[in-house]
């Protein structure tokens, strides 16, 4: 059995012969034996998702693009006329790709300008806080303890106070006020004990 030729499917003059008959005298297929043309099945054609540049721009996207343009204009990268035209086009842009073209030659925001590094004169630098003298701290502690101990720490307070003031004058440390506190309490306690001892001796001599 001969198969129908390609020209028969395409509607050409040459027609396929009836089954069992070949040659140029063969008559074409008719009736129930005629082939029925069937269309290709309608398969859905996959559509590529829109790219990011074709995405519709939002109000926030336009404002971000205008901010970039303002930063470029403030840095002197755009002239006034060009800046105005780009801003107008940015507010009229429909897609994100159009906005990207408007700011493609600009940095995304103002560029940080490095500050010149200059040495600060020592006159304007904050003065370092001197360290407190240890003996001055001890003198203040001993001086304050003269009250609860009835003056038994007065002599150490006086000794440490004088030694601390001498070291402070030599080294420039802080704590002169602490040393003075220890000296004041120490000498007051010593003076009080001296007066008390003098009175006791005078009473003893008078009674004897």
C-alpha atoms as a PDB file:
ATOM      1  CA  UNK A   1       0.000   0.000   0.000  1.00  0.00           C
ATOM      2  CA  UNK A   2       1.466   3.331  -0.997  1.00  0.00           C
ATOM      3  CA  UNK A   3       1.484   6.179   1.424  1.00  0.00           C
ATOM      4  CA  UNK A   4       0.135   9.624   0.507  1.00  0.00           C
ATOM      5  CA  UNK A   5       2.890  11.945  -0.580  1.00  0.00           C
ATOM      6  CA  UNK A   6       3.849  15.177   1.215  1.00  0.00           C
ATOM      7  CA  UNK A   7       2.461  17.209  -1.655  1.00  0.00           C
ATOM      8  CA  UNK A   8      -0.980  15.730  -1.054  1.00  0.00           C
ATOM      9  CA  UNK A   9      -0.906  16.953   2.548  1.00  0.00           C
ATOM     10  CA  UNK A  10       0.142  20.409   1.381  1.00  0.00           C
ATOM     11  CA  UNK A  11      -2.676  20.704  -1.216  1.00  0.00           C
ATOM     12  CA  UNK A  12      -0.502  20.286  -4.304  1.00  0.00           C
ATOM     13  CA  UNK A  13      -1.773  18.865  -7.626  1.00  0.00           C
ATOM     14  CA  UNK A  14      -0.124  15.521  -7.085  1.00  0.00           C
ATOM     15  CA  UNK A  15      -2.560  13.361  -5.133  1.00  0.00           C
ATOM     16  CA  UNK A  16      -1.988  10.059  -3.443  1.00  0.00           C
ATOM     17  CA  UNK A  17      -3.455   7.062  -5.152  1.00  0.00           C
ATOM     18  CA  UNK A  18      -6.121   4.822  -3.796  1.00  0.00           C
ATOM     19  CA  UNK A  19      -4.841   1.789  -1.952  1.00  0.00           C
ATOM     20  CA  UNK A  20      -3.858  -1.003  -4.332  1.00  0.00           C
ATOM     21  CA  UNK A  21      -3.382   1.231  -7.337  1.00  0.00           C
ATOM     22  CA  UNK A  22      -0.172   2.991  -8.340  1.00  0.00           C
ATOM     23  CA  UNK A  23       0.892   5.001 -11.304  1.00  0.00           C
ATOM     24  CA  UNK A  24      -0.093   8.254 -12.974  1.00  0.00           C
ATOM     25  CA  UNK A  25      -3.626   6.961 -13.865  1.00  0.00           C
ATOM     26  CA  UNK A  26      -4.515   6.326 -10.255  1.00  0.00           C
ATOM     27  CA  UNK A  27      -7.404   8.395  -9.010  1.00  0.00           C
ATOM     28  CA  UNK A  28      -7.141  10.336  -5.761  1.00  0.00           C
ATOM     29  CA  UNK A  29      -8.652   9.224  -2.488  1.00  0.00           C
ATOM     30  CA  UNK A  30     -12.266  10.187  -2.065  1.00  0.00           C
ATOM     31  CA  UNK A  31     -15.059   9.519   0.304  1.00  0.00           C
ATOM     32  CA  UNK A  32     -14.371   7.727   3.514  1.00  0.00           C
ATOM     33  CA  UNK A  33     -10.761   6.943   2.531  1.00  0.00           C
ATOM     34  CA  UNK A  34      -9.799  10.610   2.184  1.00  0.00           C
ATOM     35  CA  UNK A  35      -7.307  11.683   4.911  1.00  0.00           C
ATOM     36  CA  UNK A  36      -8.611  14.141   7.464  1.00  0.00           C
ATOM     37  CA  UNK A  37      -6.283  17.056   8.290  1.00  0.00           C
ATOM     38  CA  UNK A  38      -5.931  17.439  12.038  1.00  0.00           C
ATOM     39  CA  UNK A  39      -4.438  20.589  13.542  1.00  0.00           C
ATOM     40  CA  UNK A  40      -1.555  20.443  15.982  1.00  0.00           C
ATOM     41  CA  UNK A  41      -2.696  20.297  19.584  1.00  0.00           C
ATOM     42  CA  UNK A  42      -2.787  23.715  21.221  1.00  0.00           C
ATOM     43  CA  UNK A  43      -0.032  23.353  23.822  1.00  0.00           C
ATOM     44  CA  UNK A  44       0.427  26.414  26.065  1.00  0.00           C
ATOM     45  CA  UNK A  45       3.507  28.344  25.106  1.00  0.00           C
ATOM     46  CA  UNK A  46       5.615  29.034  28.213  1.00  0.00           C
ATOM     47  CA  UNK A  47       6.029  32.711  28.873  1.00  0.00           C
ATOM     48  CA  UNK A  48       9.271  34.018  30.341  1.00  0.00           C
ATOM     49  CA  UNK A  49       8.757  36.031  33.515  1.00  0.00           C
ATOM     50  CA  UNK A  50       9.300  39.750  33.106  1.00  0.00           C
ATOM     51  CA  UNK A  51      12.796  40.845  33.960  1.00  0.00           C
ATOM     52  CA  UNK A  52      13.528  43.238  36.794  1.00  0.00           C
ATOM     53  CA  UNK A  53      14.064  46.094  34.335  1.00  0.00           C
ATOM     54  CA  UNK A  54      10.558  45.639  32.915  1.00  0.00           C
ATOM     55  CA  UNK A  55       8.895  45.669  36.337  1.00  0.00           C
ATOM     56  CA  UNK A  56       6.575  48.586  36.939  1.00  0.00           C
ATOM     57  CA  UNK A  57       8.111  51.243  39.165  1.00  0.00           C
ATOM     58  CA  UNK A  58       6.491  52.244  42.435  1.00  0.00           C
ATOM     59  CA  UNK A  59       6.430  55.654  44.097  1.00  0.00           C
ATOM     60  CA  UNK A  60       9.195  54.523  46.449  1.00  0.00           C
ATOM     61  CA  UNK A  61      11.371  53.489  43.480  1.00  0.00           C
ATOM     62  CA  UNK A  62      10.935  56.926  41.915  1.00  0.00           C
ATOM     63  CA  UNK A  63      11.776  58.696  45.170  1.00  0.00           C
ATOM     64  CA  UNK A  64      14.935  56.611  45.579  1.00  0.00           C
ATOM     65  CA  UNK A  65      16.038  57.507  42.064  1.00  0.00           C
ATOM     66  CA  UNK A  66      15.379  61.194  42.719  1.00  0.00           C
ATOM     67  CA  UNK A  67      17.414  60.988  45.928  1.00  0.00           C
ATOM     68  CA  UNK A  68      20.345  59.620  43.929  1.00  0.00           C
ATOM     69  CA  UNK A  69      19.962  62.449  41.431  1.00  0.00           C
ATOM     70  CA  UNK A  70      19.882  65.023  44.230  1.00  0.00           C
ATOM     71  CA  UNK A  71      23.058  63.566  45.714  1.00  0.00           C
ATOM     72  CA  UNK A  72      24.786  63.703  42.331  1.00  0.00           C
ATOM     73  CA  UNK A  73      23.668  67.287  41.800  1.00  0.00           C
ATOM     74  CA  UNK A  74      24.850  68.276  45.264  1.00  0.00           C
ATOM     75  CA  UNK A  75      28.276  66.806  44.552  1.00  0.00           C
ATOM     76  CA  UNK A  76      28.556  68.734  41.283  1.00  0.00           C
ATOM     77  CA  UNK A  77      28.179  65.692  39.014  1.00  0.00           C
ATOM     78  CA  UNK A  78      25.116  67.116  37.204  1.00  0.00           C
ATOM     79  CA  UNK A  79      24.322  70.531  35.798  1.00  0.00           C
ATOM     80  CA  UNK A  80      21.107  72.267  36.827  1.00  0.00           C
ATOM     81  CA  UNK A  81      19.391  71.750  33.491  1.00  0.00           C
ATOM     82  CA  UNK A  82      20.331  68.086  33.252  1.00  0.00           C
ATOM     83  CA  UNK A  83      19.271  67.530  36.843  1.00  0.00           C
ATOM     84  CA  UNK A  84      15.833  69.039  36.208  1.00  0.00           C
ATOM     85  CA  UNK A  85      15.335  66.922  33.087  1.00  0.00           C
ATOM     86  CA  UNK A  86      16.310  63.716  34.859  1.00  0.00           C
ATOM     87  CA  UNK A  87      14.042  64.441  37.798  1.00  0.00           C
ATOM     88  CA  UNK A  88      11.141  65.084  35.439  1.00  0.00           C
ATOM     89  CA  UNK A  89      11.829  61.819  33.605  1.00  0.00           C
ATOM     90  CA  UNK A  90      12.170  59.963  36.903  1.00  0.00           C
ATOM     91  CA  UNK A  91       8.712  61.036  38.076  1.00  0.00           C
ATOM     92  CA  UNK A  92       7.293  60.064  34.689  1.00  0.00           C
ATOM     93  CA  UNK A  93       9.086  56.694  34.448  1.00  0.00           C
ATOM     94  CA  UNK A  94       6.914  53.611  34.160  1.00  0.00           C
ATOM     95  CA  UNK A  95       9.416  50.811  34.757  1.00  0.00           C
ATOM     96  CA  UNK A  96      12.367  50.140  37.004  1.00  0.00           C
ATOM     97  CA  UNK A  97      14.591  49.863  33.937  1.00  0.00           C
ATOM     98  CA  UNK A  98      13.871  53.474  32.980  1.00  0.00           C
ATOM     99  CA  UNK A  99      14.846  54.608  36.464  1.00  0.00           C
ATOM    100  CA  UNK A 100      18.035  52.541  36.315  1.00  0.00           C
ATOM    101  CA  UNK A 101      19.061  54.284  33.088  1.00  0.00           C
ATOM    102  CA  UNK A 102      18.634  57.683  34.721  1.00  0.00           C
ATOM    103  CA  UNK A 103      21.041  56.884  37.587  1.00  0.00           C
ATOM    104  CA  UNK A 104      23.356  54.383  35.897  1.00  0.00           C
ATOM    105  CA  UNK A 105      26.208  56.909  35.648  1.00  0.00           C
ATOM    106  CA  UNK A 106      25.867  58.116  39.240  1.00  0.00           C
ATOM    107  CA  UNK A 107      26.950  56.536  42.522  1.00  0.00           C
ATOM    108  CA  UNK A 108      24.134  55.170  44.657  1.00  0.00           C
ATOM    109  CA  UNK A 109      24.127  58.030  47.119  1.00  0.00           C
ATOM    110  CA  UNK A 110      26.615  60.696  48.178  1.00  0.00           C
ATOM    111  CA  UNK A 111      30.239  59.577  48.161  1.00  0.00           C
ATOM    112  CA  UNK A 112      31.992  59.955  51.515  1.00  0.00           C
ATOM    113  CA  UNK A 113      34.664  62.587  51.336  1.00  0.00           C
ATOM    114  CA  UNK A 114      37.737  61.701  53.398  1.00  0.00           C
ATOM    115  CA  UNK A 115      38.512  64.398  55.893  1.00  0.00           C
ATOM    116  CA  UNK A 116      42.041  65.743  55.786  1.00  0.00           C
ATOM    117  CA  UNK A 117      44.128  64.311  58.566  1.00  0.00           C
ATOM    118  CA  UNK A 118      45.868  67.107  60.395  1.00  0.00           C
ATOM    119  CA  UNK A 119      47.867  66.895  63.563  1.00  0.00           C
ATOM    120  CA  UNK A 120      46.108  68.516  66.504  1.00  0.00           C
ATOM    121  CA  UNK A 121      48.376  70.855  68.461  1.00  0.00           C
ATOM    122  CA  UNK A 122      49.116  69.669  71.960  1.00  0.00           C
ATOM    123  CA  UNK A 123      47.615  72.911  73.271  1.00  0.00           C
ATOM    124  CA  UNK A 124      44.136  71.798  72.166  1.00  0.00           C
ATOM    125  CA  UNK A 125      44.473  68.183  73.261  1.00  0.00           C
ATOM    126  CA  UNK A 126      42.762  67.241  76.538  1.00  0.00           C
ATOM    127  CA  UNK A 127      45.222  67.156  79.360  1.00  0.00           C
ATOM    128  CA  UNK A 128      45.798  63.654  80.700  1.00  0.00           C
ATOM    129  CA  UNK A 129      44.387  63.172  84.154  1.00  0.00           C
ATOM    130  CA  UNK A 130      47.236  62.639  86.610  1.00  0.00           C
ATOM    131  CA  UNK A 131      47.223  59.564  88.807  1.00  0.00           C
ATOM    132  CA  UNK A 132      46.352  60.028  92.480  1.00  0.00           C
ATOM    133  CA  UNK A 133      49.243  59.587  94.888  1.00  0.00           C
ATOM    134  CA  UNK A 134      48.943  56.432  96.970  1.00  0.00           C
ATOM    135  CA  UNK A 135      50.322  58.000 100.135  1.00  0.00           C
ATOM    136  CA  UNK A 136      47.820  60.837  99.844  1.00  0.00           C
ATOM    137  CA  UNK A 137      44.988  58.316  99.733  1.00  0.00           C
ATOM    138  CA  UNK A 138      46.423  56.554 102.807  1.00  0.00           C
ATOM    139  CA  UNK A 139      46.743  59.863 104.666  1.00  0.00           C
ATOM    140  CA  UNK A 140      43.086  60.712 103.994  1.00  0.00           C
ATOM    141  CA  UNK A 141      41.933  57.280 105.169  1.00  0.00           C
ATOM    142  CA  UNK A 142      43.968  57.461 108.350  1.00  0.00           C
ATOM    143  CA  UNK A 143      42.766  61.002 109.006  1.00  0.00           C
ATOM    144  CA  UNK A 144      39.110  59.997 108.715  1.00  0.00           C
ATOM    145  CA  UNK A 145      39.694  57.027 111.022  1.00  0.00           C
ATOM    146  CA  UNK A 146      40.929  59.366 113.756  1.00  0.00           C
ATOM    147  CA  UNK A 147      37.341  60.026 114.821  1.00  0.00           C
ATOM    148  CA  UNK A 148      36.174  56.422 115.405  1.00  0.00           C
ATOM    149  CA  UNK A 149      39.584  55.328 116.779  1.00  0.00           C
ATOM    150  CA  UNK A 150      39.867  58.319 119.130  1.00  0.00           C
ATOM    151  CA  UNK A 151      42.999  59.590 117.395  1.00  0.00           C
ATOM    152  CA  UNK A 152      45.063  56.394 117.307  1.00  0.00           C
ATOM    153  CA  UNK A 153      45.612  56.819 113.509  1.00  0.00           C
ATOM    154  CA  UNK A 154      46.610  60.476 113.816  1.00  0.00           C
ATOM    155  CA  UNK A 155      50.377  59.938 113.661  1.00  0.00           C
ATOM    156  CA  UNK A 156      50.246  57.736 110.492  1.00  0.00           C
ATOM    157  CA  UNK A 157      47.926  60.311 108.896  1.00  0.00           C
ATOM    158  CA  UNK A 158      50.419  63.121 109.574  1.00  0.00           C
ATOM    159  CA  UNK A 159      53.420  61.118 108.345  1.00  0.00           C
ATOM    160  CA  UNK A 160      51.706  59.948 105.169  1.00  0.00           C
ATOM    161  CA  UNK A 161      50.317  63.443 104.518  1.00  0.00           C
ATOM    162  CA  UNK A 162      53.713  65.152 104.602  1.00  0.00           C
ATOM    163  CA  UNK A 163      55.342  62.395 102.514  1.00  0.00           C
ATOM    164  CA  UNK A 164      52.510  62.558  99.960  1.00  0.00           C
ATOM    165  CA  UNK A 165      52.809  66.337  99.529  1.00  0.00           C
ATOM    166  CA  UNK A 166      56.545  66.039  98.962  1.00  0.00           C
ATOM    167  CA  UNK A 167      56.046  63.378  96.282  1.00  0.00           C
ATOM    168  CA  UNK A 168      53.238  65.351  94.631  1.00  0.00           C
ATOM    169  CA  UNK A 169      55.494  68.395  94.282  1.00  0.00           C
ATOM    170  CA  UNK A 170      58.158  66.201  92.690  1.00  0.00           C
ATOM    171  CA  UNK A 171      56.107  63.956  90.416  1.00  0.00           C
ATOM    172  CA  UNK A 172      53.100  66.152  89.614  1.00  0.00           C
ATOM    173  CA  UNK A 173      50.581  63.527  90.741  1.00  0.00           C
ATOM    174  CA  UNK A 174      47.143  64.432  92.043  1.00  0.00           C
ATOM    175  CA  UNK A 175      45.886  63.969  95.577  1.00  0.00           C
ATOM    176  CA  UNK A 176      47.062  67.109  97.322  1.00  0.00           C
ATOM    177  CA  UNK A 177      43.579  67.598  98.775  1.00  0.00           C
ATOM    178  CA  UNK A 178      43.607  64.061 100.181  1.00  0.00           C
ATOM    179  CA  UNK A 179      46.986  64.680 101.794  1.00  0.00           C
ATOM    180  CA  UNK A 180      45.713  67.909 103.380  1.00  0.00           C
ATOM    181  CA  UNK A 181      42.643  66.065 104.706  1.00  0.00           C
ATOM    182  CA  UNK A 182      44.869  63.526 106.419  1.00  0.00           C
ATOM    183  CA  UNK A 183      47.116  66.257 107.852  1.00  0.00           C
ATOM    184  CA  UNK A 184      44.207  68.280 109.253  1.00  0.00           C
ATOM    185  CA  UNK A 185      42.546  65.340 110.994  1.00  0.00           C
ATOM    186  CA  UNK A 186      45.882  64.001 112.168  1.00  0.00           C
ATOM    187  CA  UNK A 187      47.107  67.257 113.670  1.00  0.00           C
ATOM    188  CA  UNK A 188      43.736  67.958 115.293  1.00  0.00           C
ATOM    189  CA  UNK A 189      43.778  64.547 116.925  1.00  0.00           C
ATOM    190  CA  UNK A 190      47.348  65.022 118.093  1.00  0.00           C
ATOM    191  CA  UNK A 191      46.463  68.480 119.465  1.00  0.00           C
ATOM    192  CA  UNK A 192      43.419  67.078 121.294  1.00  0.00           C
ATOM    193  CA  UNK A 193      45.510  64.290 122.863  1.00  0.00           C
ATOM    194  CA  UNK A 194      48.204  66.803 123.825  1.00  0.00           C
ATOM    195  CA  UNK A 195      45.684  69.049 125.586  1.00  0.00           C
ATOM    196  CA  UNK A 196      44.140  66.069 127.342  1.00  0.00           C
ATOM    197  CA  UNK A 197      47.512  64.791 128.530  1.00  0.00           C
ATOM    198  CA  UNK A 198      48.480  68.271 129.736  1.00  0.00           C
ATOM    199  CA  UNK A 199      45.279  68.581 131.767  1.00  0.00           C
ATOM    200  CA  UNK A 200      45.778  65.132 133.289  1.00  0.00           C
ATOM    201  CA  UNK A 201      49.330  65.987 134.316  1.00  0.00           C
ATOM    202  CA  UNK A 202      48.230  69.321 135.786  1.00  0.00           C
ATOM    203  CA  UNK A 203      45.438  67.678 137.768  1.00  0.00           C
ATOM    204  CA  UNK A 204      47.835  65.036 139.045  1.00  0.00           C
ATOM    205  CA  UNK A 205      50.353  67.626 140.188  1.00  0.00           C
ATOM    206  CA  UNK A 206      47.685  69.737 141.889  1.00  0.00           C
ATOM    207  CA  UNK A 207      46.202  66.795 143.746  1.00  0.00           C
ATOM    208  CA  UNK A 208      49.609  65.520 144.838  1.00  0.00           C
END
